[in-house]
Amino acid sequence: MKKLLLAGAFILGISAVTFAQNGGGRGKRNPAQMTTRLKEQLSLTDAQVAKVTAIYTTQAKVQDSLRTASNGDRQAIRPAMTALRKSTNDKISAILTADQAEKFKKQLADLAARQAARQKGN
């Protein structure tokens, strides 16, 4: 019984460490994952998928360079990241159909509301 309890505690400890190393379960998504999610939610065509992937890939490269240049100072890069996100969303909206763009706009609004609620709660 003690061995079983010890093994359970060990597994729980390992999973807690893994969870913490992954940023609390919010791992960084890559452009392919982001495109796949958007494809499923908005029913993108193959041509749209290619364009969205290119947009997200460019965004990821710029984000990485901003993070590197900031040396971990998140406050310093916040305005640039906000502008980059807006630019990316505008580019994606431009390649969507009217119905898709409306759904995308609603998703962005829902995301903003969740983030505002999370910040208000902290």
Protein backbone atom coordinates (compact mmCIF):
# COMPACT_ATOMS: atom_id res chain seq x y z
CA MET A 1 0.00 0.00 0.00
CA LYS A 2 2.83 2.38 0.85
CA LYS A 3 4.52 1.66 -2.48
CA LEU A 4 1.33 2.43 -4.36
CA LEU A 5 0.88 5.70 -2.47
CA LEU A 6 4.53 6.62 -3.06
CA ALA A 7 4.25 5.82 -6.80
CA GLY A 8 1.10 7.96 -7.04
CA ALA A 9 2.80 10.88 -5.30
CA PHE A 10 5.80 10.54 -7.61
CA ILE A 11 3.62 10.59 -10.74
CA LEU A 12 1.68 13.59 -9.42
CA GLY A 13 4.94 15.42 -8.72
CA ILE A 14 6.30 14.72 -12.20
CA SER A 15 3.10 15.91 -13.87
CA ALA A 16 3.12 19.11 -11.78
CA VAL A 17 6.68 19.87 -12.89
CA THR A 18 5.79 19.17 -16.52
CA PHE A 19 2.70 21.38 -16.27
CA ALA A 20 4.76 24.24 -14.82
CA GLN A 21 7.43 23.94 -17.52
CA ASN A 22 4.79 24.19 -20.24
CA GLY A 23 3.64 27.57 -18.98
CA GLY A 24 0.75 26.26 -16.95
CA GLY A 25 -0.66 24.22 -19.81
CA ARG A 26 -0.73 27.14 -22.23
CA GLY A 27 1.96 26.01 -24.59
CA LYS A 28 3.05 28.20 -27.47
CA ARG A 29 1.08 27.32 -30.58
CA ASN A 30 2.80 27.07 -33.88
CA PRO A 31 1.43 28.49 -37.16
CA ALA A 32 0.21 25.07 -38.33
CA GLN A 33 -1.82 24.53 -35.15
CA MET A 34 -3.31 28.00 -35.35
CA THR A 35 -4.22 27.51 -39.01
CA THR A 36 -5.78 24.11 -38.32
CA ARG A 37 -7.93 25.58 -35.56
CA LEU A 38 -9.05 28.42 -37.81
CA LYS A 39 -9.71 26.01 -40.70
CA GLU A 40 -12.01 23.93 -38.50
CA GLN A 41 -13.83 26.92 -37.04
CA LEU A 42 -14.31 28.87 -40.27
CA SER A 43 -14.32 26.11 -42.92
CA LEU A 44 -11.41 27.61 -44.85
CA THR A 45 -10.65 26.57 -48.42
CA ASP A 46 -7.23 25.16 -49.33
CA ALA A 47 -6.20 28.49 -50.87
CA GLN A 48 -7.22 30.33 -47.70
CA VAL A 49 -5.33 27.80 -45.57
CA ALA A 50 -2.13 28.46 -47.53
CA LYS A 51 -2.50 32.22 -47.12
CA VAL A 52 -3.35 32.00 -43.40
CA THR A 53 -0.39 29.70 -42.79
CA ALA A 54 1.92 32.22 -44.47
CA ILE A 55 0.46 35.05 -42.37
CA TYR A 56 0.84 33.13 -39.10
CA THR A 57 4.38 32.03 -40.04
CA THR A 58 5.41 35.64 -40.65
CA GLN A 59 3.79 36.68 -37.37
CA ALA A 60 5.66 33.96 -35.47
CA LYS A 61 9.01 35.08 -36.90
CA VAL A 62 8.38 38.71 -36.01
CA GLN A 63 7.22 37.74 -32.50
CA ASP A 64 10.35 35.67 -31.95
CA SER A 65 12.58 38.54 -33.06
CA LEU A 66 10.70 40.96 -30.78
CA ARG A 67 11.04 38.61 -27.82
CA THR A 68 14.74 38.16 -28.50
CA ALA A 69 15.33 41.90 -28.81
CA SER A 70 13.44 42.65 -25.58
CA ASN A 71 15.54 40.28 -23.41
CA GLY A 72 12.42 39.11 -21.59
CA ASP A 73 10.96 42.58 -20.91
CA ARG A 74 7.31 41.92 -21.76
CA GLN A 75 6.19 45.46 -21.00
CA ALA A 76 8.65 46.88 -23.52
CA ILE A 77 7.30 44.80 -26.41
CA ARG A 78 3.60 44.91 -25.51
CA PRO A 79 2.75 47.80 -27.91
CA ALA A 80 4.61 46.14 -30.78
CA MET A 81 2.95 42.78 -30.09
CA THR A 82 -0.48 44.42 -29.97
CA ALA A 83 0.14 46.15 -33.31
CA LEU A 84 1.43 42.88 -34.81
CA ARG A 85 -1.64 40.98 -33.63
CA LYS A 86 -3.96 43.63 -35.08
CA SER A 87 -2.09 43.59 -38.38
CA THR A 88 -2.25 39.79 -38.52
CA ASN A 89 -5.99 39.76 -37.78
CA ASP A 90 -6.59 42.43 -40.44
CA LYS A 91 -4.66 40.41 -43.03
CA ILE A 92 -6.62 37.27 -42.18
CA SER A 93 -9.95 39.12 -42.31
CA ALA A 94 -9.04 40.39 -45.78
CA ILE A 95 -8.82 36.87 -47.23
CA LEU A 96 -12.04 35.58 -45.66
CA THR A 97 -15.51 35.58 -47.14
CA ALA A 98 -18.10 37.87 -45.54
CA ASP A 99 -19.58 35.05 -43.42
CA GLN A 100 -16.15 33.82 -42.35
CA ALA A 101 -15.03 37.35 -41.52
CA GLU A 102 -18.09 37.86 -39.33
CA LYS A 103 -17.40 34.63 -37.42
CA PHE A 104 -13.72 35.59 -37.09
CA LYS A 105 -14.68 39.04 -35.78
CA LYS A 106 -16.99 37.43 -33.21
CA GLN A 107 -14.20 35.06 -32.11
CA LEU A 108 -11.84 37.98 -31.62
CA ALA A 109 -14.48 39.85 -29.60
CA ASP A 110 -15.09 36.78 -27.42
CA LEU A 111 -11.35 36.40 -26.87
CA ALA A 112 -11.02 40.06 -25.89
CA ALA A 113 -13.90 39.68 -23.44
CA ARG A 114 -12.32 36.60 -21.83
CA GLN A 115 -8.97 38.37 -21.52
CA ALA A 116 -10.61 41.43 -19.97
CA ALA A 117 -12.47 39.24 -17.48
CA ARG A 118 -9.25 37.41 -16.60
CA GLN A 119 -7.38 40.70 -16.07
CA LYS A 120 -10.23 42.08 -13.99
CA GLY A 121 -10.17 38.97 -11.84
CA ASN A 122 -6.43 39.25 -11.15
